[in-house]
């Protein structure tokens, strides 16, 4: 858990059906994006190139969080992997829609649908 002036981000990595799932809780902004990036990059650098990132515990994400996601996608794509997202919050989905990143990422409303695809 990272708590910076009232803004916090908790990250946890679990393995589900052989796929790493990065669970996030809190907010991703300029003050917490580095923690998010470090967590995701550790997973990728451990050789896991198909990664699920669970955004359902997020209350807020700004463009810095999107930047980390795009960088992680580029990193896994060059190895033939992918980043899939789980998101069920309208406010966070809106950020993907506005930026057009909903066309770039595979976004699911729950983990089971994501793993079944």
PDB file of N, CA and C in Angstrom:
ATOM      1  N   UNK A   1       0.848  -1.182   0.000  1.00  0.00           N
ATOM      2  CA  UNK A   1       0.000   0.000   0.000  1.00  0.00           C
ATOM      3  C   UNK A   1       0.883   1.231   0.000  1.00  0.00           C
ATOM      4  N   UNK A   2       0.503   2.188  -0.781  1.00  0.00           N
ATOM      5  CA  UNK A   2       1.248   3.437  -0.877  1.00  0.00           C
ATOM      6  C   UNK A   2       0.277   4.565  -0.550  1.00  0.00           C
ATOM      7  N   UNK A   3       0.578   5.342   0.484  1.00  0.00           N
ATOM      8  CA  UNK A   3      -0.300   6.426   0.897  1.00  0.00           C
ATOM      9  C   UNK A   3       0.473   7.726   0.808  1.00  0.00           C
ATOM     10  N   UNK A   4       0.107   8.573  -0.137  1.00  0.00           N
ATOM     11  CA  UNK A   4       0.810   9.836  -0.346  1.00  0.00           C
ATOM     12  C   UNK A   4      -0.183  10.980  -0.198  1.00  0.00           C
ATOM     13  N   UNK A   5      -0.183  11.584   0.960  1.00  0.00           N
ATOM     14  CA  UNK A   5      -1.049  12.733   1.170  1.00  0.00           C
ATOM     15  C   UNK A   5      -2.525  12.444   0.945  1.00  0.00           C
ATOM     16  N   UNK A   6      -3.015  11.319   1.442  1.00  0.00           N
ATOM     17  CA  UNK A   6      -4.421  10.992   1.306  1.00  0.00           C
ATOM     18  C   UNK A   6      -4.745  10.178   0.063  1.00  0.00           C
ATOM     19  N   UNK A   7      -3.845  10.150  -0.909  1.00  0.00           N
ATOM     20  CA  UNK A   7      -4.051   9.348  -2.110  1.00  0.00           C
ATOM     21  C   UNK A   7      -3.335   8.026  -1.897  1.00  0.00           C
ATOM     22  N   UNK A   8      -4.028   6.929  -2.086  1.00  0.00           N
ATOM     23  CA  UNK A   8      -3.368   5.647  -1.893  1.00  0.00           C
ATOM     24  C   UNK A   8      -3.606   4.730  -3.080  1.00  0.00           C
ATOM     25  N   UNK A   9      -2.693   3.803  -3.228  1.00  0.00           N
ATOM     26  CA  UNK A   9      -2.833   2.754  -4.238  1.00  0.00           C
ATOM     27  C   UNK A   9      -2.315   1.468  -3.629  1.00  0.00           C
ATOM     28  N   UNK A  10      -3.172   0.447  -3.627  1.00  0.00           N
ATOM     29  CA  UNK A  10      -2.757  -0.884  -3.187  1.00  0.00           C
ATOM     30  C   UNK A  10      -2.658  -1.744  -4.429  1.00  0.00           C
ATOM     31  N   UNK A  11      -1.535  -2.456  -4.535  1.00  0.00           N
ATOM     32  CA  UNK A  11      -1.359  -3.373  -5.658  1.00  0.00           C
ATOM     33  C   UNK A  11      -1.126  -4.775  -5.107  1.00  0.00           C
ATOM     34  N   UNK A  12      -1.685  -5.743  -5.784  1.00  0.00           N
ATOM     35  CA  UNK A  12      -1.474  -7.133  -5.410  1.00  0.00           C
ATOM     36  C   UNK A  12      -1.463  -7.967  -6.680  1.00  0.00           C
ATOM     37  N   UNK A  13      -0.520  -8.884  -6.752  1.00  0.00           N
ATOM     38  CA  UNK A  13      -0.437  -9.761  -7.922  1.00  0.00           C
ATOM     39  C   UNK A  13      -0.824 -11.172  -7.501  1.00  0.00           C
ATOM     40  N   UNK A  14      -1.790 -11.731  -8.208  1.00  0.00           N
ATOM     41  CA  UNK A  14      -2.240 -13.105  -7.961  1.00  0.00           C
ATOM     42  C   UNK A  14      -2.103 -13.873  -9.259  1.00  0.00           C
ATOM     43  N   UNK A  15      -2.017 -15.171  -9.154  1.00  0.00           N
ATOM     44  CA  UNK A  15      -2.016 -16.012 -10.349  1.00  0.00           C
ATOM     45  C   UNK A  15      -3.340 -16.762 -10.376  1.00  0.00           C
ATOM     46  N   UNK A  16      -4.090 -16.609 -11.470  1.00  0.00           N
ATOM     47  CA  UNK A  16      -5.379 -17.271 -11.629  1.00  0.00           C
ATOM     48  C   UNK A  16      -5.334 -18.050 -12.936  1.00  0.00           C
ATOM     49  N   UNK A  17      -5.477 -19.371 -12.840  1.00  0.00           N
ATOM     50  CA  UNK A  17      -5.421 -20.246 -14.021  1.00  0.00           C
ATOM     51  C   UNK A  17      -4.122 -20.018 -14.807  1.00  0.00           C
ATOM     52  N   UNK A  18      -3.034 -19.788 -14.114  1.00  0.00           N
ATOM     53  CA  UNK A  18      -1.735 -19.605 -14.755  1.00  0.00           C
ATOM     54  C   UNK A  18      -1.495 -18.217 -15.326  1.00  0.00           C
ATOM     55  N   UNK A  19      -2.449 -17.301 -15.120  1.00  0.00           N
ATOM     56  CA  UNK A  19      -2.334 -15.942 -15.655  1.00  0.00           C
ATOM     57  C   UNK A  19      -2.131 -14.963 -14.500  1.00  0.00           C
ATOM     58  N   UNK A  20      -1.109 -14.099 -14.590  1.00  0.00           N
ATOM     59  CA  UNK A  20      -0.938 -13.108 -13.530  1.00  0.00           C
ATOM     60  C   UNK A  20      -2.038 -12.049 -13.605  1.00  0.00           C
ATOM     61  N   UNK A  21      -2.635 -11.770 -12.447  1.00  0.00           N
ATOM     62  CA  UNK A  21      -3.674 -10.749 -12.343  1.00  0.00           C
ATOM     63  C   UNK A  21      -3.174  -9.683 -11.374  1.00  0.00           C
ATOM     64  N   UNK A  22      -3.012  -8.473 -11.880  1.00  0.00           N
ATOM     65  CA  UNK A  22      -2.590  -7.342 -11.050  1.00  0.00           C
ATOM     66  C   UNK A  22      -3.856  -6.642 -10.575  1.00  0.00           C
ATOM     67  N   UNK A  23      -4.113  -6.741  -9.273  1.00  0.00           N
ATOM     68  CA  UNK A  23      -5.290  -6.098  -8.695  1.00  0.00           C
ATOM     69  C   UNK A  23      -4.895  -4.735  -8.147  1.00  0.00           C
ATOM     70  N   UNK A  24      -5.714  -3.736  -8.433  1.00  0.00           N
ATOM     71  CA  UNK A  24      -5.452  -2.369  -7.992  1.00  0.00           C
ATOM     72  C   UNK A  24      -6.619  -1.876  -7.150  1.00  0.00           C
ATOM     73  N   UNK A  25      -6.276  -1.110  -6.117  1.00  0.00           N
ATOM     74  CA  UNK A  25      -7.305  -0.509  -5.280  1.00  0.00           C
ATOM     75  C   UNK A  25      -6.849   0.886  -4.888  1.00  0.00           C
ATOM     76  N   UNK A  26      -7.721   1.854  -5.066  1.00  0.00           N
ATOM     77  CA  UNK A  26      -7.391   3.226  -4.705  1.00  0.00           C
ATOM     78  C   UNK A  26      -7.435   4.146  -5.902  1.00  0.00           C
ATOM     79  N   UNK A  27      -6.359   4.927  -6.076  1.00  0.00           N
ATOM     80  CA  UNK A  27      -6.299   5.906  -7.148  1.00  0.00           C
ATOM     81  C   UNK A  27      -4.957   5.837  -7.861  1.00  0.00           C
ATOM     82  N   UNK A  28      -4.998   6.031  -9.175  1.00  0.00           N
ATOM     83  CA  UNK A  28      -3.758   6.157  -9.939  1.00  0.00           C
ATOM     84  C   UNK A  28      -3.710   7.566 -10.486  1.00  0.00           C
ATOM     85  N   UNK A  29      -2.707   8.287 -10.028  1.00  0.00           N
ATOM     86  CA  UNK A  29      -2.459   9.632 -10.534  1.00  0.00           C
ATOM     87  C   UNK A  29      -0.947   9.843 -10.530  1.00  0.00           C
ATOM     88  N   UNK A  30      -0.526  11.060 -10.691  1.00  0.00           N
ATOM     89  CA  UNK A  30       0.907  11.360 -10.768  1.00  0.00           C
ATOM     90  C   UNK A  30       1.668  10.848  -9.543  1.00  0.00           C
ATOM     91  N   UNK A  31       1.047  10.906  -8.375  1.00  0.00           N
ATOM     92  CA  UNK A  31       1.748  10.510  -7.152  1.00  0.00           C
ATOM     93  C   UNK A  31       1.822   8.998  -6.947  1.00  0.00           C
ATOM     94  N   UNK A  32       0.962   8.216  -7.598  1.00  0.00           N
ATOM     95  CA  UNK A  32       0.958   6.759  -7.392  1.00  0.00           C
ATOM     96  C   UNK A  32       1.302   5.960  -8.648  1.00  0.00           C
ATOM     97  N   UNK A  33       1.416   6.609  -9.791  1.00  0.00           N
ATOM     98  CA  UNK A  33       1.660   5.898 -11.051  1.00  0.00           C
ATOM     99  C   UNK A  33       2.959   5.096 -11.021  1.00  0.00           C
ATOM    100  N   UNK A  34       3.978   5.596 -10.336  1.00  0.00           N
ATOM    101  CA  UNK A  34       5.258   4.876 -10.281  1.00  0.00           C
ATOM    102  C   UNK A  34       5.112   3.526  -9.579  1.00  0.00           C
ATOM    103  N   UNK A  35       4.279   3.467  -8.559  1.00  0.00           N
ATOM    104  CA  UNK A  35       4.031   2.204  -7.851  1.00  0.00           C
ATOM    105  C   UNK A  35       3.331   1.220  -8.783  1.00  0.00           C
ATOM    106  N   UNK A  36       2.351   1.710  -9.519  1.00  0.00           N
ATOM    107  CA  UNK A  36       1.630   0.892 -10.487  1.00  0.00           C
ATOM    108  C   UNK A  36       2.585   0.360 -11.551  1.00  0.00           C
ATOM    109  N   UNK A  37       3.400   1.248 -12.108  1.00  0.00           N
ATOM    110  CA  UNK A  37       4.353   0.859 -13.151  1.00  0.00           C
ATOM    111  C   UNK A  37       5.332  -0.190 -12.634  1.00  0.00           C
ATOM    112  N   UNK A  38       5.869   0.018 -11.450  1.00  0.00           N
ATOM    113  CA  UNK A  38       6.831  -0.924 -10.873  1.00  0.00           C
ATOM    114  C   UNK A  38       6.205  -2.313 -10.717  1.00  0.00           C
ATOM    115  N   UNK A  39       4.974  -2.356 -10.250  1.00  0.00           N
ATOM    116  CA  UNK A  39       4.281  -3.641 -10.061  1.00  0.00           C
ATOM    117  C   UNK A  39       4.093  -4.365 -11.390  1.00  0.00           C
ATOM    118  N   UNK A  40       3.571  -3.659 -12.381  1.00  0.00           N
ATOM    119  CA  UNK A  40       3.296  -4.279 -13.688  1.00  0.00           C
ATOM    120  C   UNK A  40       4.599  -4.707 -14.361  1.00  0.00           C
ATOM    121  N   UNK A  41       5.618  -3.866 -14.313  1.00  0.00           N
ATOM    122  CA  UNK A  41       6.888  -4.196 -14.966  1.00  0.00           C
ATOM    123  C   UNK A  41       7.576  -5.383 -14.304  1.00  0.00           C
ATOM    124  N   UNK A  42       7.443  -5.539 -12.994  1.00  0.00           N
ATOM    125  CA  UNK A  42       8.023  -6.714 -12.319  1.00  0.00           C
ATOM    126  C   UNK A  42       7.401  -7.997 -12.865  1.00  0.00           C
ATOM    127  N   UNK A  43       6.100  -7.970 -13.092  1.00  0.00           N
ATOM    128  CA  UNK A  43       5.393  -9.136 -13.632  1.00  0.00           C
ATOM    129  C   UNK A  43       5.907  -9.436 -15.039  1.00  0.00           C
ATOM    130  N   UNK A  44       5.988  -8.408 -15.874  1.00  0.00           N
ATOM    131  CA  UNK A  44       6.419  -8.594 -17.265  1.00  0.00           C
ATOM    132  C   UNK A  44       7.880  -9.046 -17.325  1.00  0.00           C
ATOM    133  N   UNK A  45       8.716  -8.431 -16.512  1.00  0.00           N
ATOM    134  CA  UNK A  45      10.142  -8.798 -16.511  1.00  0.00           C
ATOM    135  C   UNK A  45      10.393 -10.184 -15.940  1.00  0.00           C
ATOM    136  N   UNK A  46       9.392 -10.724 -15.228  1.00  0.00           N
ATOM    137  CA  UNK A  46       9.495 -12.106 -14.740  1.00  0.00           C
ATOM    138  C   UNK A  46       9.117 -13.100 -15.831  1.00  0.00           C
ATOM    139  N   UNK A  47       8.860 -12.592 -17.035  1.00  0.00           N
ATOM    140  CA  UNK A  47       8.572 -13.473 -18.162  1.00  0.00           C
ATOM    141  C   UNK A  47       7.105 -13.689 -18.439  1.00  0.00           C
ATOM    142  N   UNK A  48       6.243 -13.008 -17.707  1.00  0.00           N
ATOM    143  CA  UNK A  48       4.794 -13.128 -17.928  1.00  0.00           C
ATOM    144  C   UNK A  48       4.385 -12.065 -18.933  1.00  0.00           C
ATOM    145  N   UNK A  49       4.031 -12.498 -20.143  1.00  0.00           N
ATOM    146  CA  UNK A  49       3.710 -11.514 -21.182  1.00  0.00           C
ATOM    147  C   UNK A  49       2.214 -11.405 -21.464  1.00  0.00           C
ATOM    148  N   UNK A  50       1.418 -12.297 -20.884  1.00  0.00           N
ATOM    149  CA  UNK A  50      -0.038 -12.172 -20.949  1.00  0.00           C
ATOM    150  C   UNK A  50      -0.501 -11.814 -19.545  1.00  0.00           C
ATOM    151  N   UNK A  51      -0.919 -10.569 -19.370  1.00  0.00           N
ATOM    152  CA  UNK A  51      -1.210 -10.035 -18.045  1.00  0.00           C
ATOM    153  C   UNK A  51      -2.627  -9.478 -18.016  1.00  0.00           C
ATOM    154  N   UNK A  52      -3.309  -9.741 -16.904  1.00  0.00           N
ATOM    155  CA  UNK A  52      -4.625  -9.161 -16.660  1.00  0.00           C
ATOM    156  C   UNK A  52      -4.446  -8.095 -15.581  1.00  0.00           C
ATOM    157  N   UNK A  53      -5.009  -6.916 -15.827  1.00  0.00           N
ATOM    158  CA  UNK A  53      -4.964  -5.852 -14.839  1.00  0.00           C
ATOM    159  C   UNK A  53      -6.396  -5.550 -14.423  1.00  0.00           C
ATOM    160  N   UNK A  54      -6.656  -5.749 -13.135  1.00  0.00           N
ATOM    161  CA  UNK A  54      -7.998  -5.592 -12.577  1.00  0.00           C
ATOM    162  C   UNK A  54      -8.155  -4.181 -12.010  1.00  0.00           C
ATOM    163  N   UNK A  55      -8.947  -3.370 -12.706  1.00  0.00           N
ATOM    164  CA  UNK A  55      -9.162  -1.976 -12.324  1.00  0.00           C
ATOM    165  C   UNK A  55     -10.430  -1.796 -11.488  1.00  0.00           C
ATOM    166  N   UNK A  56     -11.104  -2.871 -11.119  1.00  0.00           N
ATOM    167  CA  UNK A  56     -12.401  -2.737 -10.447  1.00  0.00           C
ATOM    168  C   UNK A  56     -12.288  -2.073  -9.074  1.00  0.00           C
ATOM    169  N   UNK A  57     -11.125  -2.113  -8.452  1.00  0.00           N
ATOM    170  CA  UNK A  57     -10.952  -1.488  -7.140  1.00  0.00           C
ATOM    171  C   UNK A  57     -10.514  -0.035  -7.212  1.00  0.00           C
ATOM    172  N   UNK A  58     -10.370   0.490  -8.416  1.00  0.00           N
ATOM    173  CA  UNK A  58      -9.947   1.891  -8.558  1.00  0.00           C
ATOM    174  C   UNK A  58     -11.118   2.840  -8.386  1.00  0.00           C
ATOM    175  N   UNK A  59     -10.836   3.939  -7.717  1.00  0.00           N
ATOM    176  CA  UNK A  59     -11.817   5.016  -7.590  1.00  0.00           C
ATOM    177  C   UNK A  59     -11.553   6.104  -8.625  1.00  0.00           C
ATOM    178  N   UNK A  60     -10.291   6.191  -9.070  1.00  0.00           N
ATOM    179  CA  UNK A  60      -9.895   7.272  -9.970  1.00  0.00           C
ATOM    180  C   UNK A  60      -8.656   6.851 -10.745  1.00  0.00           C
ATOM    181  N   UNK A  61      -8.569   7.252 -12.002  1.00  0.00           N
ATOM    182  CA  UNK A  61      -7.353   7.064 -12.791  1.00  0.00           C
ATOM    183  C   UNK A  61      -7.246   8.228 -13.766  1.00  0.00           C
ATOM    184  N   UNK A  62      -6.074   8.857 -13.795  1.00  0.00           N
ATOM    185  CA  UNK A  62      -5.871   9.954 -14.738  1.00  0.00           C
ATOM    186  C   UNK A  62      -4.964   9.507 -15.884  1.00  0.00           C
ATOM    187  N   UNK A  63      -4.505  10.466 -16.667  1.00  0.00           N
ATOM    188  CA  UNK A  63      -3.718  10.144 -17.862  1.00  0.00           C
ATOM    189  C   UNK A  63      -2.387   9.472 -17.533  1.00  0.00           C
ATOM    190  N   UNK A  64      -1.861   9.683 -16.329  1.00  0.00           N
ATOM    191  CA  UNK A  64      -0.609   8.993 -15.987  1.00  0.00           C
ATOM    192  C   UNK A  64      -0.840   7.490 -15.896  1.00  0.00           C
ATOM    193  N   UNK A  65      -1.980   7.092 -15.377  1.00  0.00           N
ATOM    194  CA  UNK A  65      -2.324   5.675 -15.325  1.00  0.00           C
ATOM    195  C   UNK A  65      -2.491   5.094 -16.718  1.00  0.00           C
ATOM    196  N   UNK A  66      -3.122   5.856 -17.598  1.00  0.00           N
ATOM    197  CA  UNK A  66      -3.264   5.416 -18.992  1.00  0.00           C
ATOM    198  C   UNK A  66      -1.891   5.255 -19.639  1.00  0.00           C
ATOM    199  N   UNK A  67      -0.993   6.174 -19.336  1.00  0.00           N
ATOM    200  CA  UNK A  67       0.369   6.096 -19.882  1.00  0.00           C
ATOM    201  C   UNK A  67       1.084   4.825 -19.461  1.00  0.00           C
ATOM    202  N   UNK A  68       0.915   4.442 -18.203  1.00  0.00           N
ATOM    203  CA  UNK A  68       1.528   3.201 -17.711  1.00  0.00           C
ATOM    204  C   UNK A  68       0.926   1.998 -18.433  1.00  0.00           C
ATOM    205  N   UNK A  69      -0.390   2.000 -18.612  1.00  0.00           N
ATOM    206  CA  UNK A  69      -1.049   0.890 -19.312  1.00  0.00           C
ATOM    207  C   UNK A  69      -0.571   0.775 -20.753  1.00  0.00           C
ATOM    208  N   UNK A  70      -0.465   1.895 -21.455  1.00  0.00           N
ATOM    209  CA  UNK A  70      -0.017   1.876 -22.850  1.00  0.00           C
ATOM    210  C   UNK A  70       1.428   1.391 -22.935  1.00  0.00           C
ATOM    211  N   UNK A  71       2.287   1.851 -22.026  1.00  0.00           N
ATOM    212  CA  UNK A  71       3.688   1.416 -22.014  1.00  0.00           C
ATOM    213  C   UNK A  71       3.786  -0.088 -21.740  1.00  0.00           C
ATOM    214  N   UNK A  72       2.972  -0.578 -20.811  1.00  0.00           N
ATOM    215  CA  UNK A  72       2.973  -2.011 -20.504  1.00  0.00           C
ATOM    216  C   UNK A  72       2.476  -2.815 -21.699  1.00  0.00           C
ATOM    217  N   UNK A  73       1.467  -2.293 -22.391  1.00  0.00           N
ATOM    218  CA  UNK A  73       0.954  -2.972 -23.588  1.00  0.00           C
ATOM    219  C   UNK A  73       2.028  -3.058 -24.666  1.00  0.00           C
ATOM    220  N   UNK A  74       2.754  -1.973 -24.881  1.00  0.00           N
ATOM    221  CA  UNK A  74       3.842  -1.982 -25.867  1.00  0.00           C
ATOM    222  C   UNK A  74       4.907  -3.002 -25.482  1.00  0.00           C
ATOM    223  N   UNK A  75       5.233  -3.041 -24.195  1.00  0.00           N
ATOM    224  CA  UNK A  75       6.269  -3.949 -23.704  1.00  0.00           C
ATOM    225  C   UNK A  75       5.858  -5.410 -23.909  1.00  0.00           C
ATOM    226  N   UNK A  76       4.602  -5.751 -23.616  1.00  0.00           N
ATOM    227  CA  UNK A  76       4.167  -7.143 -23.795  1.00  0.00           C
ATOM    228  C   UNK A  76       3.942  -7.474 -25.266  1.00  0.00           C
ATOM    229  N   UNK A  77       3.450  -6.513 -26.038  1.00  0.00           N
ATOM    230  CA  UNK A  77       3.171  -6.754 -27.461  1.00  0.00           C
ATOM    231  C   UNK A  77       4.426  -7.102 -28.240  1.00  0.00           C
ATOM    232  N   UNK A  78       5.540  -6.474 -27.906  1.00  0.00           N
ATOM    233  CA  UNK A  78       6.785  -6.770 -28.618  1.00  0.00           C
ATOM    234  C   UNK A  78       7.231  -8.212 -28.377  1.00  0.00           C
ATOM    235  N   UNK A  79       6.750  -8.810 -27.302  1.00  0.00           N
ATOM    236  CA  UNK A  79       7.082 -10.208 -26.978  1.00  0.00           C
ATOM    237  C   UNK A  79       5.976 -11.169 -27.423  1.00  0.00           C
ATOM    238  N   UNK A  80       4.938 -10.633 -28.082  1.00  0.00           N
ATOM    239  CA  UNK A  80       3.829 -11.479 -28.519  1.00  0.00           C
ATOM    240  C   UNK A  80       2.766 -11.676 -27.457  1.00  0.00           C
ATOM    241  N   UNK A  81       2.796 -10.865 -26.408  1.00  0.00           N
ATOM    242  CA  UNK A  81       1.840 -10.993 -25.314  1.00  0.00           C
ATOM    243  C   UNK A  81       0.719  -9.975 -25.397  1.00  0.00           C
ATOM    244  N   UNK A  82       0.011  -9.841 -24.281  1.00  0.00           N
ATOM    245  CA  UNK A  82      -1.127  -8.924 -24.248  1.00  0.00           C
ATOM    246  C   UNK A  82      -1.379  -8.411 -22.834  1.00  0.00           C
ATOM    247  N   UNK A  83      -2.103  -7.319 -22.784  1.00  0.00           N
ATOM    248  CA  UNK A  83      -2.624  -6.780 -21.524  1.00  0.00           C
ATOM    249  C   UNK A  83      -4.138  -6.757 -21.678  1.00  0.00           C
ATOM    250  N   UNK A  84      -4.840  -7.435 -20.776  1.00  0.00           N
ATOM    251  CA  UNK A  84      -6.300  -7.391 -20.758  1.00  0.00           C
ATOM    252  C   UNK A  84      -6.732  -6.677 -19.484  1.00  0.00           C
ATOM    253  N   UNK A  85      -7.798  -5.928 -19.576  1.00  0.00           N
ATOM    254  CA  UNK A  85      -8.256  -5.132 -18.445  1.00  0.00           C
ATOM    255  C   UNK A  85      -9.615  -5.598 -17.959  1.00  0.00           C
ATOM    256  N   UNK A  86      -9.817  -5.476 -16.652  1.00  0.00           N
ATOM    257  CA  UNK A  86     -11.128  -5.708 -16.061  1.00  0.00           C
ATOM    258  C   UNK A  86     -11.561  -4.371 -15.467  1.00  0.00           C
ATOM    259  N   UNK A  87     -12.704  -3.890 -15.891  1.00  0.00           N
ATOM    260  CA  UNK A  87     -13.198  -2.603 -15.400  1.00  0.00           C
ATOM    261  C   UNK A  87     -14.716  -2.588 -15.472  1.00  0.00           C
ATOM    262  N   UNK A  88     -15.346  -2.252 -14.364  1.00  0.00           N
ATOM    263  CA  UNK A  88     -16.807  -2.185 -14.338  1.00  0.00           C
ATOM    264  C   UNK A  88     -17.315  -0.826 -13.881  1.00  0.00           C
ATOM    265  N   UNK A  89     -16.413   0.127 -13.741  1.00  0.00           N
ATOM    266  CA  UNK A  89     -16.821   1.467 -13.290  1.00  0.00           C
ATOM    267  C   UNK A  89     -16.986   2.403 -14.478  1.00  0.00           C
ATOM    268  N   UNK A  90     -18.164   2.967 -14.586  1.00  0.00           N
ATOM    269  CA  UNK A  90     -18.482   3.854 -15.696  1.00  0.00           C
ATOM    270  C   UNK A  90     -17.500   5.031 -15.785  1.00  0.00           C
ATOM    271  N   UNK A  91     -17.117   5.601 -14.638  1.00  0.00           N
ATOM    272  CA  UNK A  91     -16.225   6.768 -14.643  1.00  0.00           C
ATOM    273  C   UNK A  91     -14.846   6.436 -15.214  1.00  0.00           C
ATOM    274  N   UNK A  92     -14.354   5.230 -14.951  1.00  0.00           N
ATOM    275  CA  UNK A  92     -13.037   4.838 -15.477  1.00  0.00           C
ATOM    276  C   UNK A  92     -13.165   4.409 -16.940  1.00  0.00           C
ATOM    277  N   UNK A  93     -14.231   3.718 -17.269  1.00  0.00           N
ATOM    278  CA  UNK A  93     -14.457   3.329 -18.664  1.00  0.00           C
ATOM    279  C   UNK A  93     -14.571   4.560 -19.564  1.00  0.00           C
ATOM    280  N   UNK A  94     -15.127   5.619 -19.025  1.00  0.00           N
ATOM    281  CA  UNK A  94     -15.293   6.859 -19.786  1.00  0.00           C
ATOM    282  C   UNK A  94     -13.935   7.399 -20.246  1.00  0.00           C
ATOM    283  N   UNK A  95     -12.909   7.273 -19.403  1.00  0.00           N
ATOM    284  CA  UNK A  95     -11.562   7.730 -19.761  1.00  0.00           C
ATOM    285  C   UNK A  95     -11.046   6.942 -20.965  1.00  0.00           C
ATOM    286  N   UNK A  96     -11.299   5.642 -20.984  1.00  0.00           N
ATOM    287  CA  UNK A  96     -10.885   4.814 -22.126  1.00  0.00           C
ATOM    288  C   UNK A  96     -11.666   5.192 -23.380  1.00  0.00           C
ATOM    289  N   UNK A  97     -12.959   5.444 -23.231  1.00  0.00           N
ATOM    290  CA  UNK A  97     -13.798   5.815 -24.375  1.00  0.00           C
ATOM    291  C   UNK A  97     -13.367   7.146 -24.971  1.00  0.00           C
ATOM    292  N   UNK A  98     -13.154   8.134 -24.125  1.00  0.00           N
ATOM    293  CA  UNK A  98     -12.786   9.480 -24.589  1.00  0.00           C
ATOM    294  C   UNK A  98     -11.452   9.463 -25.338  1.00  0.00           C
ATOM    295  N   UNK A  99     -10.508   8.686 -24.843  1.00  0.00           N
ATOM    296  CA  UNK A  99      -9.170   8.648 -25.448  1.00  0.00           C
ATOM    297  C   UNK A  99      -9.065   7.674 -26.614  1.00  0.00           C
ATOM    298  N   UNK A 100     -10.102   6.850 -26.830  1.00  0.00           N
ATOM    299  CA  UNK A 100     -10.057   5.854 -27.890  1.00  0.00           C
ATOM    300  C   UNK A 100      -9.310   4.595 -27.502  1.00  0.00           C
ATOM    301  N   UNK A 101      -8.848   4.520 -26.258  1.00  0.00           N
ATOM    302  CA  UNK A 101      -8.103   3.340 -25.818  1.00  0.00           C
ATOM    303  C   UNK A 101      -9.002   2.124 -25.596  1.00  0.00           C
ATOM    304  N   UNK A 102     -10.317   2.335 -25.622  1.00  0.00           N
ATOM    305  CA  UNK A 102     -11.230   1.194 -25.552  1.00  0.00           C
ATOM    306  C   UNK A 102     -11.131   0.348 -26.817  1.00  0.00           C
ATOM    307  N   UNK A 103     -10.563   0.920 -27.884  1.00  0.00           N
ATOM    308  CA  UNK A 103     -10.344   0.172 -29.134  1.00  0.00           C
ATOM    309  C   UNK A 103      -8.990  -0.543 -29.120  1.00  0.00           C
ATOM    310  N   UNK A 104      -8.114  -0.135 -28.210  1.00  0.00           N
ATOM    311  CA  UNK A 104      -6.751  -0.675 -28.138  1.00  0.00           C
ATOM    312  C   UNK A 104      -6.677  -1.831 -27.142  1.00  0.00           C
ATOM    313  N   UNK A 105      -7.370  -1.678 -26.022  1.00  0.00           N
ATOM    314  CA  UNK A 105      -7.351  -2.697 -24.969  1.00  0.00           C
ATOM    315  C   UNK A 105      -8.589  -3.570 -25.035  1.00  0.00           C
ATOM    316  N   UNK A 106      -8.431  -4.837 -24.659  1.00  0.00           N
ATOM    317  CA  UNK A 106      -9.574  -5.715 -24.441  1.00  0.00           C
ATOM    318  C   UNK A 106     -10.024  -5.458 -23.008  1.00  0.00           C
ATOM    319  N   UNK A 107     -11.264  -4.975 -22.849  1.00  0.00           N
ATOM    320  CA  UNK A 107     -11.774  -4.603 -21.528  1.00  0.00           C
ATOM    321  C   UNK A 107     -12.986  -5.475 -21.214  1.00  0.00           C
ATOM    322  N   UNK A 108     -12.967  -6.093 -20.040  1.00  0.00           N
ATOM    323  CA  UNK A 108     -14.021  -7.003 -19.596  1.00  0.00           C
ATOM    324  C   UNK A 108     -14.631  -6.469 -18.309  1.00  0.00           C
ATOM    325  N   UNK A 109     -15.870  -6.896 -18.021  1.00  0.00           N
ATOM    326  CA  UNK A 109     -16.507  -6.422 -16.798  1.00  0.00           C
ATOM    327  C   UNK A 109     -16.254  -7.321 -15.595  1.00  0.00           C
ATOM    328  N   UNK A 110     -15.676  -8.510 -15.815  1.00  0.00           N
ATOM    329  CA  UNK A 110     -15.299  -9.360 -14.672  1.00  0.00           C
ATOM    330  C   UNK A 110     -14.195 -10.333 -15.075  1.00  0.00           C
ATOM    331  N   UNK A 111     -13.545 -10.895 -14.072  1.00  0.00           N
ATOM    332  CA  UNK A 111     -12.388 -11.761 -14.290  1.00  0.00           C
ATOM    333  C   UNK A 111     -12.752 -13.020 -15.067  1.00  0.00           C
ATOM    334  N   UNK A 112     -13.886 -13.627 -14.755  1.00  0.00           N
ATOM    335  CA  UNK A 112     -14.259 -14.877 -15.429  1.00  0.00           C
ATOM    336  C   UNK A 112     -14.419 -14.687 -16.933  1.00  0.00           C
ATOM    337  N   UNK A 113     -15.106 -13.618 -17.341  1.00  0.00           N
ATOM    338  CA  UNK A 113     -15.265 -13.352 -18.773  1.00  0.00           C
ATOM    339  C   UNK A 113     -13.912 -13.116 -19.436  1.00  0.00           C
ATOM    340  N   UNK A 114     -13.044 -12.436 -18.719  1.00  0.00           N
ATOM    341  CA  UNK A 114     -11.701 -12.148 -19.256  1.00  0.00           C
ATOM    342  C   UNK A 114     -10.935 -13.442 -19.480  1.00  0.00           C
ATOM    343  N   UNK A 115     -10.950 -14.321 -18.512  1.00  0.00           N
ATOM    344  CA  UNK A 115     -10.189 -15.573 -18.625  1.00  0.00           C
ATOM    345  C   UNK A 115     -10.813 -16.537 -19.625  1.00  0.00           C
ATOM    346  N   UNK A 116     -12.130 -16.464 -19.803  1.00  0.00           N
ATOM    347  CA  UNK A 116     -12.826 -17.339 -20.747  1.00  0.00           C
ATOM    348  C   UNK A 116     -12.593 -16.947 -22.194  1.00  0.00           C
ATOM    349  N   UNK A 117     -12.211 -15.688 -22.430  1.00  0.00           N
ATOM    350  CA  UNK A 117     -12.049 -15.186 -23.797  1.00  0.00           C
ATOM    351  C   UNK A 117     -10.747 -15.671 -24.417  1.00  0.00           C
TER     352      UNK A 117
END
